[in-house]
């Protein structure tokens, strides 16, 4: 995410926290690489 958006690690962390607060993702606290997208694929934007 940091490379894609060309931003800093703290900014990426803030983005992840906000996505979780909005209900777009789910993650397990204390478990690395536990992010799961909650939205159906058809609601996700095409980033390519």
Protein backbone atom coordinates (compact mmCIF):
# COMPACT_ATOMS: atom_id res chain seq x y z
CA UNK A 1 0.00 0.00 0.00
CA UNK A 2 2.85 2.33 0.81
CA UNK A 3 4.36 1.94 -2.66
CA UNK A 4 1.03 2.03 -4.49
CA UNK A 5 -0.12 5.27 -2.83
CA UNK A 6 3.44 6.68 -2.52
CA UNK A 7 3.05 7.56 1.13
CA UNK A 8 4.62 6.86 4.54
CA UNK A 9 4.08 3.83 6.81
CA UNK A 10 2.19 5.89 9.45
CA UNK A 11 -0.19 7.13 6.75
CA UNK A 12 -0.83 3.56 5.58
CA UNK A 13 -1.55 2.52 9.17
CA UNK A 14 -4.04 5.38 9.52
CA UNK A 15 -5.71 4.29 6.28
CA UNK A 16 -6.02 0.70 7.50
CA UNK A 17 -7.48 1.82 10.84
CA UNK A 18 -10.01 4.05 9.05
CA UNK A 19 -11.00 1.28 6.62
CA UNK A 20 -11.64 -0.98 9.60
CA UNK A 21 -13.69 1.70 11.40
CA UNK A 22 -15.84 2.14 8.27
CA UNK A 23 -16.45 -1.61 8.06
CA UNK A 24 -14.65 -2.15 4.74
CA UNK A 25 -12.07 -4.55 6.19
CA UNK A 26 -11.71 -6.85 9.18
CA UNK A 27 -8.45 -7.66 10.95
CA UNK A 28 -7.41 -9.72 13.95
CA UNK A 29 -5.60 -7.53 16.52
CA UNK A 30 -2.06 -8.71 17.22
CA UNK A 31 -1.99 -11.06 14.22
CA UNK A 32 0.17 -10.00 11.28
CA UNK A 33 -1.30 -10.14 7.76
CA UNK A 34 -4.81 -10.75 9.04
CA UNK A 35 -6.63 -8.13 6.93
CA UNK A 36 -9.75 -9.45 5.19
CA UNK A 37 -11.79 -7.35 2.77
CA UNK A 38 -15.47 -7.40 3.78
CA UNK A 39 -16.94 -5.86 0.61
CA UNK A 40 -18.08 -8.05 -2.28
CA UNK A 41 -15.67 -7.94 -5.30
CA UNK A 42 -18.17 -6.07 -7.49
CA UNK A 43 -18.10 -3.13 -5.03
CA UNK A 44 -14.31 -2.77 -5.19
CA UNK A 45 -12.76 -0.28 -7.63
CA UNK A 46 -10.47 -1.50 -10.40
CA UNK A 47 -7.02 -0.18 -9.41
CA UNK A 48 -5.17 -1.18 -12.58
